[in-house]
């Protein structure tokens, strides 16, 4: 599968919340760089840690966290950049903003991810402070 096809499969699965497909696309030793200063921020190492983070986001947002592509993923060698729209709701707040996701692909797996948010302060406020 091409790098572009791996990225498209990942984003398609995220958009329809097929988290079993998403989880299966992560390398066992994936490194995930989550921006900001909130409960999910930091570098997460390993598919278990990344899947736990995504599960935590779904829990905090009561299952409403969603992400969709704004344009086709852009490929440069084994790197992919994608413009995304993401957001969620919880009992006392909502969040919706643009971002850029960058990932490194090896074979059919995602091995590293860097995320960028258009309004990091709003995202931090939504997810809540570091524990």
C-alpha atoms as a PDB file:
ATOM      1  CA  UNK A   1       0.000   0.000   0.000  1.00  0.00           C
ATOM      2  CA  UNK A   2       1.343   3.449  -0.872  1.00  0.00           C
ATOM      3  CA  UNK A   3       2.050   6.068   1.774  1.00  0.00           C
ATOM      4  CA  UNK A   4      -0.908   8.100   0.473  1.00  0.00           C
ATOM      5  CA  UNK A   5      -3.195   5.055   0.675  1.00  0.00           C
ATOM      6  CA  UNK A   6      -2.124   4.319   4.268  1.00  0.00           C
ATOM      7  CA  UNK A   7      -2.861   7.921   5.257  1.00  0.00           C
ATOM      8  CA  UNK A   8      -6.227   7.938   3.491  1.00  0.00           C
ATOM      9  CA  UNK A   9      -7.237   4.648   5.128  1.00  0.00           C
ATOM     10  CA  UNK A  10      -6.305   6.051   8.551  1.00  0.00           C
ATOM     11  CA  UNK A  11      -8.264   9.279   8.112  1.00  0.00           C
ATOM     12  CA  UNK A  12     -11.249   7.459   6.604  1.00  0.00           C
ATOM     13  CA  UNK A  13     -11.353   5.116   9.610  1.00  0.00           C
ATOM     14  CA  UNK A  14     -11.047   8.029  12.063  1.00  0.00           C
ATOM     15  CA  UNK A  15     -13.877   9.905  10.386  1.00  0.00           C
ATOM     16  CA  UNK A  16     -16.303   7.000  10.839  1.00  0.00           C
ATOM     17  CA  UNK A  17     -14.864   6.096  14.258  1.00  0.00           C
ATOM     18  CA  UNK A  18     -13.602   2.649  13.272  1.00  0.00           C
ATOM     19  CA  UNK A  19     -11.072   2.617  16.079  1.00  0.00           C
ATOM     20  CA  UNK A  20     -10.218  -1.057  15.582  1.00  0.00           C
ATOM     21  CA  UNK A  21      -8.941  -0.168  12.100  1.00  0.00           C
ATOM     22  CA  UNK A  22      -7.125   2.903  13.441  1.00  0.00           C
ATOM     23  CA  UNK A  23      -5.452   0.888  16.213  1.00  0.00           C
ATOM     24  CA  UNK A  24      -4.328  -1.746  13.723  1.00  0.00           C
ATOM     25  CA  UNK A  25      -2.504   0.878  11.679  1.00  0.00           C
ATOM     26  CA  UNK A  26      -0.157   1.907  14.493  1.00  0.00           C
ATOM     27  CA  UNK A  27       3.294   0.349  14.699  1.00  0.00           C
ATOM     28  CA  UNK A  28       3.892  -1.344  18.052  1.00  0.00           C
ATOM     29  CA  UNK A  29       6.600   1.246  18.779  1.00  0.00           C
ATOM     30  CA  UNK A  30       4.758   4.305  17.422  1.00  0.00           C
ATOM     31  CA  UNK A  31       5.818   7.688  18.803  1.00  0.00           C
ATOM     32  CA  UNK A  32       2.983  10.227  19.086  1.00  0.00           C
ATOM     33  CA  UNK A  33       3.676  13.911  19.803  1.00  0.00           C
ATOM     34  CA  UNK A  34       0.521  15.466  21.298  1.00  0.00           C
ATOM     35  CA  UNK A  35       0.798  19.266  21.589  1.00  0.00           C
ATOM     36  CA  UNK A  36      -0.226  21.595  24.339  1.00  0.00           C
ATOM     37  CA  UNK A  37      -0.511  21.659  28.078  1.00  0.00           C
ATOM     38  CA  UNK A  38      -3.452  19.386  28.822  1.00  0.00           C
ATOM     39  CA  UNK A  39      -4.122  15.916  30.212  1.00  0.00           C
ATOM     40  CA  UNK A  40      -3.253  14.287  26.856  1.00  0.00           C
ATOM     41  CA  UNK A  41      -0.180  16.390  25.963  1.00  0.00           C
ATOM     42  CA  UNK A  42       3.283  14.959  25.626  1.00  0.00           C
ATOM     43  CA  UNK A  43       5.094  12.206  23.799  1.00  0.00           C
ATOM     44  CA  UNK A  44       3.282   8.876  23.896  1.00  0.00           C
ATOM     45  CA  UNK A  45       5.344   5.799  23.070  1.00  0.00           C
ATOM     46  CA  UNK A  46       3.861   2.512  21.941  1.00  0.00           C
ATOM     47  CA  UNK A  47       0.517   1.572  20.431  1.00  0.00           C
ATOM     48  CA  UNK A  48      -0.964   0.807  23.846  1.00  0.00           C
ATOM     49  CA  UNK A  49      -0.240   4.320  25.108  1.00  0.00           C
ATOM     50  CA  UNK A  50      -1.570   5.960  21.934  1.00  0.00           C
ATOM     51  CA  UNK A  51      -4.739   3.872  21.936  1.00  0.00           C
ATOM     52  CA  UNK A  52      -5.271   4.681  25.634  1.00  0.00           C
ATOM     53  CA  UNK A  53      -4.921   8.401  24.851  1.00  0.00           C
ATOM     54  CA  UNK A  54      -7.479   8.205  22.031  1.00  0.00           C
ATOM     55  CA  UNK A  55      -9.795   6.235  24.314  1.00  0.00           C
ATOM     56  CA  UNK A  56      -9.394   8.922  26.969  1.00  0.00           C
ATOM     57  CA  UNK A  57     -10.329  11.608  24.455  1.00  0.00           C
ATOM     58  CA  UNK A  58     -13.456   9.685  23.545  1.00  0.00           C
ATOM     59  CA  UNK A  59     -14.313   9.304  27.230  1.00  0.00           C
ATOM     60  CA  UNK A  60     -13.830  12.990  28.082  1.00  0.00           C
ATOM     61  CA  UNK A  61     -15.851  14.044  25.022  1.00  0.00           C
ATOM     62  CA  UNK A  62     -18.588  11.479  25.719  1.00  0.00           C
ATOM     63  CA  UNK A  63     -17.892   9.860  22.355  1.00  0.00           C
ATOM     64  CA  UNK A  64     -18.267  13.079  20.376  1.00  0.00           C
ATOM     65  CA  UNK A  65     -14.607  13.663  19.486  1.00  0.00           C
ATOM     66  CA  UNK A  66     -14.428  13.706  15.693  1.00  0.00           C
ATOM     67  CA  UNK A  67     -11.823  14.435  13.054  1.00  0.00           C
ATOM     68  CA  UNK A  68     -12.191  14.903   9.307  1.00  0.00           C
ATOM     69  CA  UNK A  69      -9.899  15.799   6.435  1.00  0.00           C
ATOM     70  CA  UNK A  70     -10.169  19.267   4.913  1.00  0.00           C
ATOM     71  CA  UNK A  71      -8.175  18.288   1.811  1.00  0.00           C
ATOM     72  CA  UNK A  72      -6.330  15.285   0.423  1.00  0.00           C
ATOM     73  CA  UNK A  73      -3.244  14.197   2.392  1.00  0.00           C
ATOM     74  CA  UNK A  74       0.032  15.560   1.000  1.00  0.00           C
ATOM     75  CA  UNK A  75       2.968  13.162   0.681  1.00  0.00           C
ATOM     76  CA  UNK A  76       6.709  13.821   0.766  1.00  0.00           C
ATOM     77  CA  UNK A  77       8.594  10.513   0.789  1.00  0.00           C
ATOM     78  CA  UNK A  78       7.468   8.639   3.901  1.00  0.00           C
ATOM     79  CA  UNK A  79       5.913  11.763   5.479  1.00  0.00           C
ATOM     80  CA  UNK A  80       2.286  12.833   5.171  1.00  0.00           C
ATOM     81  CA  UNK A  81       0.770  16.197   6.093  1.00  0.00           C
ATOM     82  CA  UNK A  82      -2.980  16.625   6.287  1.00  0.00           C
ATOM     83  CA  UNK A  83      -5.225  19.577   7.000  1.00  0.00           C
ATOM     84  CA  UNK A  84      -7.892  18.445   9.436  1.00  0.00           C
ATOM     85  CA  UNK A  85     -10.926  19.739  11.299  1.00  0.00           C
ATOM     86  CA  UNK A  86     -11.496  18.309  14.756  1.00  0.00           C
ATOM     87  CA  UNK A  87     -13.683  18.888  17.747  1.00  0.00           C
ATOM     88  CA  UNK A  88     -15.888  17.484  20.419  1.00  0.00           C
ATOM     89  CA  UNK A  89     -18.408  18.285  23.109  1.00  0.00           C
ATOM     90  CA  UNK A  90     -18.770  17.615  26.794  1.00  0.00           C
ATOM     91  CA  UNK A  91     -21.255  18.698  29.433  1.00  0.00           C
ATOM     92  CA  UNK A  92     -19.846  22.204  29.919  1.00  0.00           C
ATOM     93  CA  UNK A  93     -17.860  22.970  26.756  1.00  0.00           C
ATOM     94  CA  UNK A  94     -17.361  22.380  23.073  1.00  0.00           C
ATOM     95  CA  UNK A  95     -14.381  22.682  20.763  1.00  0.00           C
ATOM     96  CA  UNK A  96     -14.050  22.866  16.969  1.00  0.00           C
ATOM     97  CA  UNK A  97     -10.904  23.932  15.179  1.00  0.00           C
ATOM     98  CA  UNK A  98      -8.492  23.314  12.357  1.00  0.00           C
ATOM     99  CA  UNK A  99      -5.170  21.560  12.605  1.00  0.00           C
ATOM    100  CA  UNK A 100      -2.411  19.847  10.717  1.00  0.00           C
ATOM    101  CA  UNK A 101      -1.479  16.227  11.297  1.00  0.00           C
ATOM    102  CA  UNK A 102       1.938  15.031  10.147  1.00  0.00           C
ATOM    103  CA  UNK A 103       2.807  11.358  10.173  1.00  0.00           C
ATOM    104  CA  UNK A 104       5.628   9.102   9.135  1.00  0.00           C
ATOM    105  CA  UNK A 105       4.641   5.858   7.463  1.00  0.00           C
ATOM    106  CA  UNK A 106       6.689   2.687   7.131  1.00  0.00           C
ATOM    107  CA  UNK A 107       5.174  -0.123   5.097  1.00  0.00           C
ATOM    108  CA  UNK A 108       1.486  -0.224   6.011  1.00  0.00           C
ATOM    109  CA  UNK A 109       1.951   1.276   9.476  1.00  0.00           C
ATOM    110  CA  UNK A 110       2.067   4.704  11.044  1.00  0.00           C
ATOM    111  CA  UNK A 111       5.290   4.980  13.033  1.00  0.00           C
ATOM    112  CA  UNK A 112       5.335   8.596  14.201  1.00  0.00           C
ATOM    113  CA  UNK A 113       2.790  11.427  14.462  1.00  0.00           C
ATOM    114  CA  UNK A 114       3.070  15.169  15.129  1.00  0.00           C
ATOM    115  CA  UNK A 115      -0.092  17.241  15.631  1.00  0.00           C
ATOM    116  CA  UNK A 116      -0.646  20.994  15.329  1.00  0.00           C
ATOM    117  CA  UNK A 117      -3.725  22.856  16.536  1.00  0.00           C
ATOM    118  CA  UNK A 118      -4.942  26.251  15.334  1.00  0.00           C
ATOM    119  CA  UNK A 119      -5.994  27.299  18.854  1.00  0.00           C
ATOM    120  CA  UNK A 120      -3.932  25.371  21.369  1.00  0.00           C
ATOM    121  CA  UNK A 121      -5.232  27.352  24.364  1.00  0.00           C
ATOM    122  CA  UNK A 122      -8.834  26.432  23.488  1.00  0.00           C
ATOM    123  CA  UNK A 123      -7.865  22.791  23.020  1.00  0.00           C
ATOM    124  CA  UNK A 124      -6.044  22.762  26.374  1.00  0.00           C
ATOM    125  CA  UNK A 125      -9.072  24.275  28.085  1.00  0.00           C
ATOM    126  CA  UNK A 126     -11.369  21.663  26.536  1.00  0.00           C
ATOM    127  CA  UNK A 127      -9.290  18.621  27.541  1.00  0.00           C
ATOM    128  CA  UNK A 128      -8.404  19.959  30.975  1.00  0.00           C
ATOM    129  CA  UNK A 129      -5.110  20.352  32.824  1.00  0.00           C
ATOM    130  CA  UNK A 130      -2.329  17.861  33.246  1.00  0.00           C
ATOM    131  CA  UNK A 131      -2.992  15.542  36.170  1.00  0.00           C
END
